[in-house]
N, C-alpha and C. Protein backbone atom coordinates (compact mmCIF):
# COMPACT_ATOMS: atom_id res chain seq x y z
N MET A 1 1.16 -0.58 0.28
CA MET A 1 0.19 0.09 0.41
C MET A 1 1.21 1.08 -0.33
N SER A 2 1.37 1.95 -1.11
CA SER A 2 2.06 2.53 -1.01
C SER A 2 1.07 4.58 -0.92
N TYR A 3 1.74 4.94 -0.69
CA TYR A 3 0.65 6.32 -0.27
C TYR A 3 2.28 8.11 -0.09
N LYS A 4 1.54 9.15 -0.10
CA LYS A 4 2.32 10.28 -0.06
C LYS A 4 1.61 10.91 1.10
N LYS A 5 2.37 11.81 1.98
CA LYS A 5 2.14 12.60 2.53
C LYS A 5 1.49 13.88 2.28
N GLU A 6 0.50 14.40 2.75
CA GLU A 6 -0.25 15.70 1.95
C GLU A 6 -0.66 16.16 3.28
N GLU A 7 -1.23 17.46 3.24
CA GLU A 7 -1.70 18.81 4.45
C GLU A 7 -2.72 18.92 3.83
N VAL A 8 -4.05 19.24 4.73
CA VAL A 8 -5.27 19.69 4.48
C VAL A 8 -5.38 20.93 5.78
N LYS A 9 -6.39 21.63 5.35
CA LYS A 9 -6.88 22.27 6.74
C LYS A 9 -8.17 22.15 7.18
N CYS A 10 -8.17 21.86 8.12
CA CYS A 10 -8.84 20.91 9.63
C CYS A 10 -10.11 21.86 9.57
N PRO A 11 -11.41 21.61 8.92
CA PRO A 11 -12.49 22.78 8.56
C PRO A 11 -12.86 23.23 9.59
N GLN A 12 -12.79 22.96 10.94
CA GLN A 12 -13.13 23.37 12.46
C GLN A 12 -12.52 24.39 12.78
N CYS A 13 -11.49 24.51 12.70
CA CYS A 13 -10.56 25.38 13.62
C CYS A 13 -9.65 25.62 12.40
N GLY A 14 -9.45 25.11 10.92
CA GLY A 14 -8.38 26.03 10.54
C GLY A 14 -6.70 25.35 10.53
N LYS A 15 -6.60 24.68 11.27
CA LYS A 15 -5.02 23.86 11.41
C LYS A 15 -4.76 23.01 10.48
N LYS A 16 -3.20 22.90 9.90
CA LYS A 16 -3.23 21.84 9.00
C LYS A 16 -3.00 20.56 9.82
N ILE A 17 -3.57 19.71 8.67
CA ILE A 17 -3.30 18.05 9.51
C ILE A 17 -2.15 17.64 8.18
N ARG A 18 -2.17 16.38 8.67
CA ARG A 18 -0.88 16.38 7.78
C ARG A 18 -1.59 14.68 7.54
N ILE A 19 -2.13 14.04 6.55
CA ILE A 19 -2.96 12.97 6.07
C ILE A 19 -1.85 12.13 5.32
N ARG A 20 -2.05 10.89 5.49
CA ARG A 20 -1.62 10.26 3.92
C ARG A 20 -2.73 9.79 3.17
N VAL A 21 -2.39 9.69 1.95
CA VAL A 21 -3.09 10.07 0.83
C VAL A 21 -2.25 8.70 -0.52
N TYR A 22 -2.98 7.49 -0.42
CA TYR A 22 -2.99 6.33 -0.56
C TYR A 22 -2.97 6.28 -2.31
N THR A 23 -2.88 5.71 -2.37
CA THR A 23 -2.32 5.56 -4.48
C THR A 23 -3.10 4.76 -4.58
N LYS A 24 -3.02 2.77 -3.99
CA LYS A 24 -3.53 2.23 -4.57
C LYS A 24 -3.72 0.56 -3.43
N PHE A 25 -5.09 0.06 -3.33
CA PHE A 25 -5.61 -0.67 -2.12
C PHE A 25 -5.89 -1.87 -2.66
N ASN A 26 -5.71 -3.14 -2.44
CA ASN A 26 -5.77 -4.21 -2.30
C ASN A 26 -6.58 -4.79 -1.39
N GLU A 27 -6.53 -6.31 -1.41
CA GLU A 27 -8.29 -6.97 -0.63
C GLU A 27 -7.94 -6.95 0.45
N ASP A 28 -6.89 -6.76 1.40
CA ASP A 28 -6.24 -6.70 2.55
C ASP A 28 -6.56 -5.18 3.55
N ASN A 29 -7.23 -4.56 2.38
CA ASN A 29 -7.59 -3.59 3.14
C ASN A 29 -9.28 -3.02 2.86
N ILE A 30 -9.82 -4.24 1.77
CA ILE A 30 -11.63 -3.56 2.13
C ILE A 30 -12.30 -3.25 3.47
N VAL A 31 -11.87 -4.08 4.28
CA VAL A 31 -12.98 -4.03 5.72
C VAL A 31 -12.27 -2.04 5.92
N ASP A 32 -11.38 -1.69 5.81
CA ASP A 32 -11.05 -0.31 6.43
C ASP A 32 -11.49 0.69 5.34
N ILE A 33 -11.49 0.08 3.89
CA ILE A 33 -12.43 1.15 3.05
C ILE A 33 -13.88 0.52 2.99
N VAL A 34 -14.46 0.29 3.52
CA VAL A 34 -15.87 -0.01 3.60
C VAL A 34 -16.31 0.61 5.12
N ASP A 35 -15.42 0.91 6.30
CA ASP A 35 -15.85 1.54 7.65
C ASP A 35 -15.32 2.88 7.19
N ARG A 36 -14.98 2.93 6.26
CA ARG A 36 -14.12 4.56 5.83
C ARG A 36 -12.51 5.03 6.52
N SER A 37 -11.92 4.47 7.64
CA SER A 37 -11.48 4.43 8.13
C SER A 37 -9.96 4.96 7.58
N LEU A 38 -10.18 4.29 6.17
CA LEU A 38 -8.57 4.58 5.57
C LEU A 38 -8.24 6.27 4.82
N PHE A 39 -9.43 6.73 5.09
CA PHE A 39 -10.29 7.86 4.52
C PHE A 39 -9.82 8.88 5.41
N GLU A 40 -10.08 8.60 6.90
CA GLU A 40 -10.23 9.63 7.70
C GLU A 40 -9.25 10.16 8.70
N ALA A 41 -9.50 11.41 8.62
CA ALA A 41 -8.32 12.61 9.27
C ALA A 41 -8.98 13.15 10.48
N LYS A 42 -8.02 12.97 11.29
CA LYS A 42 -8.84 13.88 12.79
C LYS A 42 -7.32 15.04 13.09
N CYS A 43 -8.07 16.12 13.62
CA CYS A 43 -7.49 16.89 13.82
C CYS A 43 -6.67 16.84 14.88
N SER A 44 -5.12 17.10 15.36
CA SER A 44 -4.72 17.38 16.36
C SER A 44 -5.15 18.48 17.53
N LYS A 45 -5.45 19.20 16.80
CA LYS A 45 -5.77 20.81 18.27
C LYS A 45 -7.13 20.89 18.62
N CYS A 46 -8.08 20.28 17.93
CA CYS A 46 -9.49 20.58 18.17
C CYS A 46 -10.39 19.27 18.01
N GLY A 47 -9.73 17.74 17.40
CA GLY A 47 -9.96 16.54 17.91
C GLY A 47 -11.10 16.23 16.69
N TYR A 48 -11.62 17.38 15.68
CA TYR A 48 -12.50 17.40 14.80
C TYR A 48 -12.32 16.55 13.77
N LYS A 49 -12.69 15.08 13.46
CA LYS A 49 -12.19 14.11 12.33
C LYS A 49 -13.59 14.54 11.20
N THR A 50 -13.11 14.18 10.18
CA THR A 50 -13.51 14.10 8.76
C THR A 50 -12.72 13.57 7.92
N TYR A 51 -13.26 13.44 6.85
CA TYR A 51 -13.29 12.51 5.58
C TYR A 51 -12.98 13.04 4.45
N ILE A 52 -11.77 12.56 3.97
CA ILE A 52 -10.70 12.91 2.55
C ILE A 52 -10.72 11.96 1.90
N ASP A 53 -11.57 13.18 0.64
CA ASP A 53 -11.87 11.54 -0.60
C ASP A 53 -10.78 12.30 -1.59
N TYR A 54 -10.13 11.22 -1.83
CA TYR A 54 -9.11 11.26 -2.92
C TYR A 54 -8.53 9.92 -4.30
N THR A 55 -8.60 10.14 -5.26
CA THR A 55 -8.14 9.79 -6.41
C THR A 55 -7.59 7.90 -5.99
N VAL A 56 -8.35 6.55 -6.00
CA VAL A 56 -7.27 5.49 -5.21
C VAL A 56 -7.94 4.27 -6.32
N ASP A 57 -7.03 3.54 -6.53
CA ASP A 57 -7.53 1.93 -7.11
C ASP A 57 -7.27 1.08 -6.21
N LEU A 58 -8.32 0.60 -6.29
CA LEU A 58 -8.97 -1.20 -5.55
C LEU A 58 -8.44 -2.21 -6.81
N GLU A 59 -7.21 -3.03 -6.47
CA GLU A 59 -7.49 -4.80 -7.23
C GLU A 59 -7.24 -5.49 -6.37
N THR A 60 -8.12 -6.43 -6.88
CA THR A 60 -8.60 -7.35 -5.82
C THR A 60 -8.02 -8.87 -7.04
N PRO A 61 -8.02 -9.96 -6.80
CA PRO A 61 -7.95 -10.84 -7.63
C PRO A 61 -9.47 -10.97 -9.01
N THR A 62 -10.41 -10.74 -8.68
CA THR A 62 -11.69 -10.64 -9.92
C THR A 62 -12.20 -9.44 -10.03
N TYR A 63 -11.80 -8.46 -9.53
CA TYR A 63 -12.36 -7.34 -9.82
C TYR A 63 -10.92 -5.94 -10.05
N TYR A 64 -11.63 -4.63 -10.66
CA TYR A 64 -10.65 -4.00 -10.12
C TYR A 64 -11.59 -2.49 -10.20
N LEU A 65 -11.04 -1.16 -8.80
CA LEU A 65 -11.88 -0.19 -9.20
C LEU A 65 -11.22 1.15 -9.18
N TYR A 66 -11.76 1.72 -9.76
CA TYR A 66 -10.62 3.46 -9.93
C TYR A 66 -12.07 4.37 -9.24
N TYR A 67 -11.42 4.59 -8.15
CA TYR A 67 -12.26 5.66 -6.97
C TYR A 67 -11.80 7.04 -7.31
N THR A 68 -12.78 7.89 -7.84
CA THR A 68 -12.26 9.04 -8.81
C THR A 68 -13.68 10.41 -8.42
N PRO A 69 -13.07 10.39 -6.83
CA PRO A 69 -13.73 11.60 -6.61
C PRO A 69 -14.59 12.40 -8.04
N ALA A 70 -15.56 13.36 -7.79
CA ALA A 70 -16.08 14.30 -8.49
C ALA A 70 -15.38 13.82 -10.49
N SER A 71 -14.74 12.95 -10.76
CA SER A 71 -15.07 12.70 -11.71
C SER A 71 -15.46 11.54 -12.48
N ASP A 72 -15.98 11.26 -13.50
CA ASP A 72 -16.62 10.17 -13.94
C ASP A 72 -16.42 9.63 -15.09
N LYS A 73 -14.63 10.19 -15.39
CA LYS A 73 -14.12 10.12 -16.80
C LYS A 73 -14.55 8.53 -16.62
N SER A 74 -13.93 7.46 -18.34
CA SER A 74 -13.69 5.93 -17.99
C SER A 74 -12.12 6.09 -18.13
N LYS A 75 -12.04 4.56 -17.91
CA LYS A 75 -10.75 4.87 -17.39
C LYS A 75 -10.87 3.40 -18.57
N LYS A 76 -8.97 2.56 -18.51
CA LYS A 76 -8.62 1.23 -19.17
C LYS A 76 -9.20 0.36 -18.43
N ASN A 77 -9.72 -0.84 -19.35
CA ASN A 77 -10.62 -2.16 -18.85
C ASN A 77 -8.90 -2.68 -18.00
N ILE A 78 -8.91 -3.66 -16.93
CA ILE A 78 -8.09 -4.24 -16.72
C ILE A 78 -8.59 -5.87 -17.08
N LYS A 79 -7.20 -6.53 -18.07
CA LYS A 79 -7.62 -7.77 -18.66
C LYS A 79 -7.84 -8.79 -17.68
N ASP A 80 -8.87 -9.46 -17.69
CA ASP A 80 -9.88 -10.57 -16.62
C ASP A 80 -10.06 -10.26 -15.83
N LYS A 81 -10.42 -8.75 -15.38
CA LYS A 81 -11.07 -8.66 -14.49
C LYS A 81 -12.19 -7.53 -14.48
N VAL A 82 -13.06 -7.99 -13.61
CA VAL A 82 -14.45 -6.48 -13.99
C VAL A 82 -13.74 -5.52 -13.45
N THR A 83 -14.32 -4.46 -14.25
CA THR A 83 -13.42 -3.42 -14.08
C THR A 83 -14.38 -1.52 -14.33
N ARG A 84 -14.50 -1.44 -12.76
CA ARG A 84 -15.64 0.02 -12.85
C ARG A 84 -14.75 1.19 -12.46
N VAL A 85 -15.67 2.35 -12.52
CA VAL A 85 -14.99 3.85 -12.21
C VAL A 85 -16.27 3.86 -11.67
N CYS A 86 -15.51 4.24 -9.82
CA CYS A 86 -16.72 4.76 -8.96
C CYS A 86 -16.57 6.25 -8.87
N ASP A 87 -17.46 7.68 -8.64
CA ASP A 87 -17.38 8.86 -8.85
C ASP A 87 -17.75 9.36 -7.50
N THR A 88 -18.19 8.15 -6.11
CA THR A 88 -18.42 8.52 -5.29
C THR A 88 -18.42 7.94 -4.09
N TYR A 89 -17.97 8.19 -2.77
CA TYR A 89 -18.00 7.08 -2.13
C TYR A 89 -18.45 5.56 -1.81
N ASP A 90 -20.25 6.28 -1.94
CA ASP A 90 -20.88 5.38 -1.72
C ASP A 90 -21.42 4.80 -2.88
N GLU A 91 -20.42 4.61 -3.62
CA GLU A 91 -20.56 4.12 -5.00
C GLU A 91 -19.67 3.26 -4.76
N PHE A 92 -18.52 3.36 -5.05
CA PHE A 92 -17.36 2.69 -4.16
C PHE A 92 -17.25 1.78 -3.46
N LYS A 93 -17.86 1.92 -2.69
CA LYS A 93 -18.55 0.89 -1.42
C LYS A 93 -19.47 0.26 -1.92
N GLU A 94 -20.13 0.28 -2.39
CA GLU A 94 -21.40 -0.44 -2.95
C GLU A 94 -20.96 -1.77 -3.89
N LYS A 95 -20.00 -0.78 -4.83
CA LYS A 95 -19.27 -2.14 -6.08
C LYS A 95 -18.36 -3.29 -5.15
N ILE A 96 -18.46 -2.70 -3.98
CA ILE A 96 -17.14 -3.25 -3.46
C ILE A 96 -18.12 -5.02 -2.85
N LEU A 97 -19.03 -3.93 -1.70
CA LEU A 97 -19.59 -5.17 -1.00
C LEU A 97 -20.86 -6.35 -2.07
N ILE A 98 -21.01 -5.54 -3.55
CA ILE A 98 -21.61 -6.29 -4.31
C ILE A 98 -20.23 -7.29 -4.67
N PHE A 99 -19.04 -7.00 -5.79
CA PHE A 99 -18.47 -8.04 -5.99
C PHE A 99 -17.95 -8.92 -4.83
N GLU A 100 -17.63 -8.70 -3.52
CA GLU A 100 -17.03 -9.23 -2.45
C GLU A 100 -18.15 -10.17 -2.31
N ASN A 101 -19.41 -10.34 -2.38
CA ASN A 101 -20.73 -11.21 -2.03
C ASN A 101 -20.18 -11.98 -3.84
N GLY A 102 -19.97 -11.84 -4.35
CA GLY A 102 -20.12 -12.46 -5.66
C GLY A 102 -20.97 -12.28 -6.48
N LEU A 103 -21.75 -11.00 -6.42
CA LEU A 103 -22.76 -10.71 -7.59
C LEU A 103 -22.51 -9.71 -8.89
N ASN A 104 -23.17 -10.06 -9.51
CA ASN A 104 -23.06 -8.90 -11.11
C ASN A 104 -23.72 -7.96 -10.68
N ASP A 105 -22.61 -6.55 -10.82
CA ASP A 105 -23.26 -5.38 -10.33
C ASP A 105 -24.42 -4.86 -11.65
N ILE A 106 -24.19 -5.23 -12.79
CA ILE A 106 -25.56 -4.91 -13.89
C ILE A 106 -26.71 -5.53 -13.57
N LEU A 107 -25.88 -7.16 -13.07
CA LEU A 107 -27.92 -7.59 -12.18
C LEU A 107 -28.44 -6.57 -11.26
N ILE A 108 -27.14 -6.49 -10.50
CA ILE A 108 -28.11 -5.69 -9.24
C ILE A 108 -28.67 -4.72 -9.77
N GLU A 109 -28.31 -3.57 -10.71
CA GLU A 109 -29.31 -2.31 -11.10
C GLU A 109 -29.78 -3.05 -11.78
N PHE A 110 -30.34 -3.65 -12.27
CA PHE A 110 -31.70 -4.03 -13.00
C PHE A 110 -32.74 -4.57 -12.09
N ILE A 111 -31.90 -4.81 -10.46
CA ILE A 111 -33.34 -5.77 -9.75
C ILE A 111 -33.36 -4.64 -9.24
N LYS A 112 -32.31 -3.12 -9.10
CA LYS A 112 -32.88 -1.99 -8.39
C LYS A 112 -33.74 -1.52 -8.94
N THR A 113 -33.47 -1.43 -10.24
CA THR A 113 -35.30 -0.73 -11.26
C THR A 113 -36.62 -1.27 -10.73
N TYR A 114 -35.86 -2.45 -10.52
CA TYR A 114 -37.46 -3.47 -10.45
C TYR A 114 -37.97 -3.07 -9.26
N ILE A 115 -36.99 -3.07 -8.22
CA ILE A 115 -37.72 -2.55 -7.08
C ILE A 115 -38.28 -0.73 -7.02
N LYS A 116 -37.34 0.14 -7.77
CA LYS A 116 -38.45 1.11 -7.72
C LYS A 116 -39.33 1.02 -8.19
N ASN A 117 -39.70 0.45 -9.37
CA ASN A 117 -40.81 0.15 -10.32
C ASN A 117 -42.37 -0.42 -9.69
N GLU A 118 -41.54 -0.90 -8.25
CA GLU A 118 -42.71 -1.42 -7.72
C GLU A 118 -43.27 -0.54 -6.68
N LEU A 119 -42.31 0.61 -6.34
CA LEU A 119 -42.99 2.01 -5.68
C LEU A 119 -44.10 3.07 -5.90
N LYS A 120 -44.63 3.13 -4.91
CA LYS A 120 -46.07 3.83 -5.23
C LYS A 120 -45.93 5.20 -4.24
N GLY A 121 -46.47 6.13 -5.03
CA GLY A 121 -47.37 7.25 -4.13
C GLY A 121 -46.11 8.30 -2.95
N ASP A 122 -46.29 8.09 -2.17
CA ASP A 122 -45.23 8.87 -1.18
C ASP A 122 -43.57 7.80 -1.17
N ASP A 123 -44.40 6.84 -1.13
CA ASP A 123 -42.04 5.68 -0.96
C ASP A 123 -41.45 6.74 -2.87
N LEU A 124 -42.31 6.65 -3.49
CA LEU A 124 -41.74 6.74 -5.07
C LEU A 124 -41.61 8.00 -4.51
N ASN A 125 -42.06 9.11 -4.17
CA ASN A 125 -41.37 10.45 -3.84
C ASN A 125 -40.73 11.01 -3.22
N ASN A 126 -40.17 9.84 -2.19
CA ASN A 126 -39.45 10.34 -1.25
C ASN A 126 -38.14 9.13 -1.27
N LEU A 127 -38.01 8.24 -1.88
CA LEU A 127 -37.04 7.46 -2.20
C LEU A 127 -36.19 8.75 -3.20
N ARG A 128 -34.61 9.11 -2.53
CA ARG A 128 -33.18 9.37 -3.32
C ARG A 128 -32.68 8.74 -4.11
N THR A 129 -32.65 7.21 -3.26
CA THR A 129 -31.66 6.53 -4.54
C THR A 129 -32.03 4.75 -3.23
N ILE A 130 -31.24 3.72 -4.33
CA ILE A 130 -31.33 2.81 -3.70
C ILE A 130 -30.14 1.66 -3.86
N ARG A 131 -29.61 1.37 -3.00
CA ARG A 131 -28.11 0.82 -3.09
C ARG A 131 -28.42 -0.86 -1.81
N PHE A 132 -27.04 -1.28 -2.53
CA PHE A 132 -27.12 -2.65 -2.74
C PHE A 132 -26.61 -2.84 -0.97
N ASP A 133 -26.81 -3.77 0.32
CA ASP A 133 -26.10 -3.07 1.25
C ASP A 133 -25.69 -4.80 1.50
N SER A 134 -26.38 -6.18 1.94
CA SER A 134 -25.60 -7.19 1.98
C SER A 134 -26.51 -8.30 1.21
N VAL A 135 -25.74 -9.53 1.98
CA VAL A 135 -26.56 -11.25 1.42
C VAL A 135 -26.81 -11.42 2.37
N ILE A 136 -28.13 -11.80 3.62
CA ILE A 136 -27.92 -12.80 4.53
C ILE A 136 -29.19 -13.76 4.68
N GLU A 137 -28.46 -14.99 4.70
CA GLU A 137 -28.70 -16.07 3.96
C GLU A 137 -29.13 -16.13 2.60
N ASP A 138 -29.87 -16.75 2.64
CA ASP A 138 -30.48 -16.41 1.04
C ASP A 138 -31.86 -15.49 0.43
N ASN A 139 -31.48 -14.35 1.60
CA ASN A 139 -31.77 -12.90 0.68
C ASN A 139 -30.81 -11.84 0.68
N ILE A 140 -31.33 -10.98 -0.74
CA ILE A 140 -30.08 -9.57 -1.14
C ILE A 140 -30.67 -8.33 -0.62
N ILE A 141 -30.64 -7.75 0.10
CA ILE A 141 -30.39 -6.69 1.06
C ILE A 141 -30.25 -5.86 0.28
N PHE A 142 -31.74 -4.47 0.04
CA PHE A 142 -31.18 -3.59 -0.30
C PHE A 142 -31.55 -2.05 0.60
N THR A 143 -31.12 -1.30 0.93
CA THR A 143 -31.44 -0.16 1.27
C THR A 143 -32.13 0.58 0.75
N LEU A 144 -33.23 1.48 0.60
CA LEU A 144 -33.80 2.22 0.40
C LEU A 144 -33.95 3.78 0.73
N ILE A 145 -32.74 4.13 0.74
CA ILE A 145 -32.14 5.82 1.03
C ILE A 145 -33.72 6.51 0.91
N GLY A 146 -33.54 7.47 1.89
CA GLY A 146 -35.00 8.30 1.71
C GLY A 146 -35.82 7.98 2.33
N LEU A 147 -36.18 6.35 2.35
CA LEU A 147 -37.76 5.97 2.88
C LEU A 147 -37.36 5.10 4.16
N LYS A 148 -36.01 4.64 4.73
CA LYS A 148 -35.63 4.47 6.17
C LYS A 148 -36.15 2.68 6.05
N LYS A 149 -35.82 1.83 5.20
CA LYS A 149 -36.63 0.73 4.77
C LYS A 149 -35.61 -0.31 4.03
N ASN A 150 -35.64 -1.02 3.92
CA ASN A 150 -34.59 -1.95 3.38
C ASN A 150 -35.31 -3.35 2.48
N VAL A 151 -35.46 -3.48 1.79
CA VAL A 151 -36.26 -4.55 1.03
C VAL A 151 -35.38 -6.06 0.41
N ALA A 152 -35.28 -7.20 0.83
CA ALA A 152 -35.10 -8.47 0.55
C ALA A 152 -35.63 -8.79 -0.68
N ILE A 153 -34.49 -9.30 -1.38
CA ILE A 153 -34.81 -9.71 -2.54
C ILE A 153 -34.11 -11.52 -2.69
N LYS A 154 -35.27 -12.20 -2.44
CA LYS A 154 -34.38 -13.85 -2.54
C LYS A 154 -33.16 -14.34 -3.77
N LYS A 155 -32.16 -14.57 -3.15
CA LYS A 155 -31.09 -14.91 -3.63
C LYS A 155 -31.88 -15.79 -4.89
N ASP A 156 -32.41 -16.39 -4.57
CA ASP A 156 -33.38 -17.65 -6.03
C ASP A 156 -33.55 -16.95 -7.00
N PHE A 157 -33.88 -15.70 -6.69
CA PHE A 157 -35.35 -14.59 -7.96
C PHE A 157 -33.61 -14.51 -8.67
N TYR A 158 -32.52 -13.43 -8.14
CA TYR A 158 -31.23 -13.51 -8.62
C TYR A 158 -31.18 -14.31 -9.51
N ASP A 159 -31.01 -15.37 -9.21
CA ASP A 159 -29.84 -16.56 -9.82
C ASP A 159 -30.78 -16.69 -10.82
N SER A 160 -32.09 -16.96 -10.62
CA SER A 160 -33.05 -17.09 -12.33
C SER A 160 -32.74 -15.80 -12.75
N LEU A 161 -33.21 -14.99 -12.69
CA LEU A 161 -32.53 -13.62 -13.49
C LEU A 161 -31.40 -14.42 -13.80
N MET A 162 -30.18 -14.67 -13.14
CA MET A 162 -28.81 -14.32 -13.74
C MET A 162 -28.63 -15.29 -15.03
N SER A 163 -29.23 -16.59 -14.39
CA SER A 163 -29.09 -17.51 -15.59
C SER A 163 -29.88 -17.23 -17.37
N ARG A 164 -30.96 -16.33 -17.03
CA ARG A 164 -31.54 -15.88 -17.86
C ARG A 164 -31.18 -14.25 -18.75
N SER A 165 -29.49 -14.11 -18.40
CA SER A 165 -29.52 -13.04 -18.80
C SER A 165 -28.31 -13.04 -19.62
N LYS A 166 -28.03 -12.33 -20.26
CA LYS A 166 -26.82 -11.98 -21.57
C LYS A 166 -25.94 -10.67 -20.95
N PHE A 167 -24.96 -10.32 -20.78
CA PHE A 167 -24.15 -9.40 -20.82
C PHE A 167 -23.50 -9.30 -21.50
N LYS A 168 -22.76 -7.93 -21.79
CA LYS A 168 -22.36 -7.39 -22.88
C LYS A 168 -20.67 -6.42 -21.76
N LYS A 169 -19.85 -6.76 -21.75
CA LYS A 169 -18.66 -5.86 -21.55
C LYS A 169 -18.09 -4.56 -21.98
N PRO A 170 -18.20 -3.71 -21.10
CA PRO A 170 -18.15 -2.48 -21.38
C PRO A 170 -16.56 -2.26 -22.03
N LEU A 171 -16.43 -1.40 -22.94
CA LEU A 171 -15.11 -2.03 -23.95
C LEU A 171 -13.66 -0.61 -22.80
N ARG A 172 -14.73 0.26 -21.95
CA ARG A 172 -13.38 0.89 -20.86
C ARG A 172 -13.99 0.67 -20.13
N ALA A 173 -13.50 0.57 -18.72
CA ALA A 173 -13.81 0.96 -17.52
C ALA A 173 -14.79 2.37 -17.57
N ILE A 174 -15.85 1.92 -16.66
CA ILE A 174 -16.97 3.57 -16.52
C ILE A 174 -17.64 3.38 -15.31
N VAL A 175 -18.70 4.42 -14.74
CA VAL A 175 -19.40 4.20 -14.07
C VAL A 175 -20.36 3.67 -14.96
N LEU A 176 -20.96 2.52 -13.69
CA LEU A 176 -22.14 1.76 -13.92
C LEU A 176 -22.76 1.72 -13.14
N ASP A 177 -23.87 2.40 -13.68
CA ASP A 177 -25.28 2.63 -12.66
C ASP A 177 -26.46 2.35 -13.21
N SER A 178 -27.63 2.97 -12.55
CA SER A 178 -29.09 3.02 -12.56
C SER A 178 -29.38 3.65 -14.27
N ASN A 179 -28.07 4.60 -14.72
CA ASN A 179 -28.58 5.49 -15.80
C ASN A 179 -27.81 5.09 -17.05
N ASN A 180 -27.17 3.66 -17.16
CA ASN A 180 -26.63 2.61 -18.16
C ASN A 180 -26.47 1.35 -18.11
N TYR A 181 -26.83 1.08 -16.98
CA TYR A 181 -26.89 -0.72 -16.40
C TYR A 181 -27.35 -1.00 -18.09
N TYR A 182 -27.96 -0.87 -18.38
CA TYR A 182 -28.92 -1.43 -20.06
C TYR A 182 -28.18 -1.52 -20.70
N LYS A 183 -27.85 -0.82 -21.04
CA LYS A 183 -26.53 -1.56 -22.25
C LYS A 183 -25.72 -2.15 -22.32
N TYR A 184 -25.31 -3.16 -21.30
CA TYR A 184 -24.96 -3.85 -21.18
C TYR A 184 -25.65 -5.17 -20.80
N HIS A 185 -26.93 -4.98 -20.78
CA HIS A 185 -28.00 -6.15 -20.38
C HIS A 185 -29.03 -6.26 -20.81
N LYS A 186 -29.34 -7.85 -20.87
CA LYS A 186 -30.07 -8.07 -21.87
C LYS A 186 -31.22 -9.78 -21.40
N MET A 187 -32.09 -9.74 -21.73
CA MET A 187 -33.39 -10.53 -20.51
C MET A 187 -32.89 -11.63 -22.13
N GLY A 188 -32.87 -12.93 -21.49
CA GLY A 188 -32.76 -13.98 -22.50
C GLY A 188 -33.44 -14.95 -22.17
């Protein structure tokens, strides 16, 4: 895990905080990425904690993620790996959780659209976004942000969709989300 030292100003008191800015993570860092501790900075003067977003790559044996805050530029694909660009921390964390649970992110986006299409009235109006959360026993759990609700989809339903799906690999690593997943997915 290589890094360089940088200084940022504390948003609370203005004191300079020395931080480590990492350039690349691997599978050993996943827990610290998901709990966000690798992005945390604490001011030694006032004790204020903040999170510093910076560009970093995560490489595991099966997938490669580019975390590029505030930028959705495409990147090169890494041979023999699912390769994605994440432009927010929430997307970065979600992709890690999807891939670590052995799921297909394109199909997860399809299911999130299915869930959204089932909502009505105030639920639909108050929904901000849907995030993959976890797999618990034979259920895939999604969090409905804005509704303070979780939805469980049976793993058998996912497996059935997976067996009937055809996927097209993006030519470059891209942000893959609810706005574009359909370009890479077809039900057979």
